[in-house]
Amino acid sequence: MGEAKRRKDKGLPPKGPRKTESKTTSSNFFSKYPRLPYILVGLGVIYLIFDVVKYYNR
């Protein structure tokens, strides 16, 4: 016996179309550019080094 017959025998309405979960844009964005996090961390470290050098040269 199939799902549709069981639902009909129990008096339940037919199943609706499946709803697919939408993926977040951040996961798609990082999967599209896999090296981007490393570049951002590198830029942050360079900025911090520059800032420390600038602070101690006052």
Protein backbone atom coordinates (compact mmCIF):
# COMPACT_ATOMS: atom_id res chain seq x y z
CA MET A 1 0.00 0.00 0.00
CA GLY A 2 1.39 3.39 -0.94
CA GLU A 3 1.57 6.61 0.99
CA ALA A 4 -1.26 8.19 -1.01
CA LYS A 5 -3.67 5.30 -0.29
CA ARG A 6 -2.85 5.31 3.43
CA ARG A 7 -3.47 9.04 3.65
CA LYS A 8 -6.75 8.65 1.74
CA ASP A 9 -7.91 5.81 4.00
CA LYS A 10 -7.17 7.85 7.12
CA GLY A 11 -9.01 10.86 5.72
CA LEU A 12 -5.91 13.04 5.51
CA PRO A 13 -5.35 15.54 2.69
CA PRO A 14 -2.70 14.73 0.08
CA LYS A 15 0.82 15.77 0.83
CA GLY A 16 1.88 19.15 -0.45
CA PRO A 17 4.99 19.76 -2.52
CA ARG A 18 8.27 19.45 -0.66
CA LYS A 19 9.72 22.67 0.62
CA THR A 20 13.44 22.91 0.11
CA GLU A 21 15.43 24.81 2.68
CA SER A 22 17.08 27.90 1.30
CA LYS A 23 20.80 28.05 1.96
CA THR A 24 22.24 31.11 3.58
CA THR A 25 24.13 33.48 1.35
CA SER A 26 27.20 33.43 3.56
CA SER A 27 27.80 29.72 3.03
CA ASN A 28 27.35 30.15 -0.72
CA PHE A 29 29.62 33.19 -0.69
CA PHE A 30 32.48 31.41 1.07
CA SER A 31 32.07 28.30 -1.05
CA LYS A 32 32.26 30.50 -4.14
CA TYR A 33 35.46 32.21 -2.89
CA PRO A 34 37.23 29.68 -0.66
CA ARG A 35 40.39 31.79 -0.19
CA LEU A 36 38.55 34.92 0.92
CA PRO A 37 38.73 34.21 4.69
CA TYR A 38 42.52 33.79 4.46
CA ILE A 39 42.84 37.04 2.54
CA LEU A 40 40.70 38.90 5.08
CA VAL A 41 42.69 37.52 8.02
CA GLY A 42 45.94 38.43 6.26
CA LEU A 43 44.77 41.99 5.69
CA GLY A 44 43.71 42.26 9.33
CA VAL A 45 47.11 41.05 10.55
CA ILE A 46 48.91 43.48 8.23
CA TYR A 47 46.73 46.31 9.52
CA LEU A 48 47.45 45.40 13.15
CA ILE A 49 51.20 45.24 12.51
CA PHE A 50 51.07 48.60 10.75
CA ASP A 51 49.09 50.07 13.63
CA VAL A 52 51.53 48.77 16.26
CA VAL A 53 54.53 50.14 14.34
CA LYS A 54 52.78 53.50 13.96
CA TYR A 55 51.95 53.55 17.69
CA TYR A 56 55.53 52.87 18.84
CA ASN A 57 57.08 55.39 16.41
CA ARG A 58 55.32 58.35 18.07
